[in-house]
Protein backbone atom coordinates (compact mmCIF):
# COMPACT_ATOMS: atom_id res chain seq x y z
CA MET A 1 0.00 0.00 0.00
CA PRO A 2 1.33 3.46 -0.80
CA ASN A 3 1.03 4.81 2.75
CA TYR A 4 3.73 7.20 3.85
CA ASP A 5 4.74 8.15 7.39
CA TYR A 6 5.44 11.75 8.31
CA GLN A 7 6.25 13.84 11.36
CA CYS A 8 4.88 17.35 11.46
CA LEU A 9 7.62 19.85 12.24
CA ASN A 10 4.97 22.28 13.52
CA CYS A 11 2.93 20.18 16.01
CA GLN A 12 5.40 17.23 16.24
CA LYS A 13 2.65 14.64 15.67
CA HIS A 14 3.18 11.53 13.58
CA THR A 15 0.77 10.69 10.81
CA ARG A 16 0.39 8.23 7.96
CA LEU A 17 -0.86 9.59 4.64
CA PHE A 18 -2.03 7.76 1.54
CA PHE A 19 -0.80 8.85 -1.88
CA SER A 20 -1.19 7.02 -5.15
CA TYR A 21 2.09 6.30 -6.84
CA ALA A 22 1.21 8.90 -9.47
CA ASP A 23 0.56 11.61 -6.83
CA TYR A 24 3.58 10.95 -4.60
CA GLY A 25 6.08 13.79 -4.98
CA LYS A 26 3.56 15.94 -6.87
CA VAL A 27 1.11 16.60 -4.02
CA THR A 28 2.26 18.48 -0.92
CA PRO A 29 1.45 16.54 2.24
CA ILE A 30 -0.60 18.43 4.83
CA CYS A 31 -0.72 17.61 8.54
CA PRO A 32 -4.26 16.48 9.43
CA HIS A 33 -3.76 17.76 13.00
CA CYS A 34 -2.64 21.37 12.46
CA GLN A 35 -2.90 21.79 8.66
CA SER A 36 0.80 22.63 8.35
CA ASP A 37 2.71 21.73 5.22
CA LYS A 38 5.98 21.38 7.17
CA LEU A 39 6.15 17.59 7.21
CA LYS A 40 9.22 15.40 7.30
CA ARG A 41 9.04 11.95 5.71
CA GLN A 42 9.79 9.12 8.13
CA ILE A 43 10.94 5.66 7.22
CA GLY A 44 8.06 3.29 7.93
CA ARG A 45 8.28 -0.18 9.40
CA ILE A 46 8.93 -3.03 7.08
CA ARG A 47 7.95 -6.65 7.42
CA ILE A 48 9.97 -9.55 6.23
CA GLY A 49 8.26 -12.82 5.55
CA ARG A 50 9.93 -15.71 7.32
CA SER A 51 9.12 -19.38 7.48
CA GLU A 52 8.01 -20.95 10.74
CA GLU A 53 11.26 -22.92 10.78
CA SER A 54 13.27 -19.70 10.44
CA ARG A 55 11.36 -18.05 13.31
CA ILE A 56 11.89 -21.05 15.57
CA ASP A 57 15.57 -21.23 14.61
CA SER A 58 15.97 -17.64 15.82
CA PHE A 59 15.25 -18.85 19.35
CA VAL A 60 18.16 -21.27 19.12
CA GLU A 61 20.48 -18.64 17.61
CA ASP A 62 19.51 -16.02 20.22
CA ASN A 63 20.07 -18.52 23.02
CA ALA A 64 16.61 -17.56 24.23
CA LEU A 65 16.20 -20.82 26.09
CA SER A 66 19.56 -20.57 27.88
CA ASN A 67 18.45 -17.41 29.69
CA LEU A 68 15.17 -18.96 30.75
CA ASP A 69 14.92 -19.57 34.48
CA GLY A 70 11.98 -21.82 35.33
CA ASP A 71 11.78 -20.25 38.78
CA ASP A 72 11.48 -16.70 37.41
CA PRO A 73 7.90 -15.97 36.25
CA LYS A 74 8.91 -12.63 34.71
CA ALA A 75 11.56 -14.27 32.52
CA LEU A 76 9.06 -16.96 31.52
CA GLY A 77 6.49 -14.30 30.60
CA GLN A 78 9.02 -12.36 28.52
CA PHE A 79 10.04 -15.56 26.72
CA MET A 80 6.41 -16.43 25.99
CA LYS A 81 5.74 -12.92 24.67
CA LYS A 82 8.77 -13.14 22.37
CA MET A 83 7.67 -16.57 21.20
CA GLY A 84 4.19 -15.20 20.40
CA ARG A 85 5.68 -12.34 18.38
CA GLU A 86 8.05 -14.65 16.51
CA LEU A 87 5.27 -17.02 15.55
CA GLY A 88 3.29 -14.05 14.24
CA GLU A 89 -0.05 -15.48 15.21
CA ASP A 90 -2.75 -14.24 17.55
CA ILE A 91 -2.64 -16.90 20.21
CA GLY A 92 -5.65 -15.51 22.05
CA ASP A 93 -6.75 -13.58 25.09
CA ASP A 94 -6.01 -16.40 27.55
CA PHE A 95 -2.40 -16.60 26.37
CA ASN A 96 -2.03 -12.82 26.65
CA GLU A 97 -3.50 -12.83 30.16
CA VAL A 98 -1.13 -15.59 31.29
CA VAL A 99 1.86 -13.72 29.85
CA ASP A 100 0.80 -10.44 31.51
CA ARG A 101 0.39 -12.18 34.86
CA LEU A 102 3.77 -13.90 34.55
CA GLU A 103 5.44 -10.59 33.73
CA LYS A 104 3.92 -9.15 36.91
CA GLY A 105 5.62 -11.93 38.86
CA GLU A 106 2.75 -14.37 39.46
CA THR A 107 3.81 -18.00 39.60
CA PRO A 108 2.47 -20.47 37.04
CA GLU A 109 0.83 -22.41 39.87
CA LYS A 110 -1.08 -19.34 41.09
CA ILE A 111 -2.22 -18.54 37.54
CA GLU A 112 -3.35 -22.12 37.01
CA LYS A 113 -5.44 -21.98 40.20
CA ALA A 114 -6.96 -18.65 39.14
CA MET A 115 -7.69 -19.89 35.60
CA PRO A 116 -8.86 -23.51 35.95
CA GLU A 117 -10.44 -23.40 32.49
CA LEU A 118 -6.94 -23.47 30.99
CA ARG A 119 -6.08 -26.69 32.81
CA ASP A 120 -9.44 -28.21 31.85
CA ASN A 121 -8.96 -27.29 28.17
CA THR A 122 -5.46 -28.73 28.10
CA SER A 123 -6.39 -32.06 29.61
CA SER A 124 -9.42 -32.50 27.32
CA GLU A 125 -7.29 -31.88 24.20
CA GLU A 126 -4.70 -34.54 25.04
């Protein structure tokens, strides 16, 4: 998509504007917040397609598992969050809640007691 990121030099707000390829460079971008034409083009984020195998291999290369301490809920939560990002899939609200609780320092046992539906779902799937 021909969306372009800008920062307004007047109000300092960031914005993303759409220009067709034919219009880009011919039409002056205008800040939708303050109507200034003093915008600076920003480099937008890029995405690189990677295979599942490549994403999993990055855990091995980063030694992500070597830093994992099973007795540290925060480290476990951070690892799970990274794993979720690497897999690039929405794993669901339950997963996100567990990760948030781990990052706050709750133990897996305490989370399991507070969320028995997770344990029930796991045992019924096996």
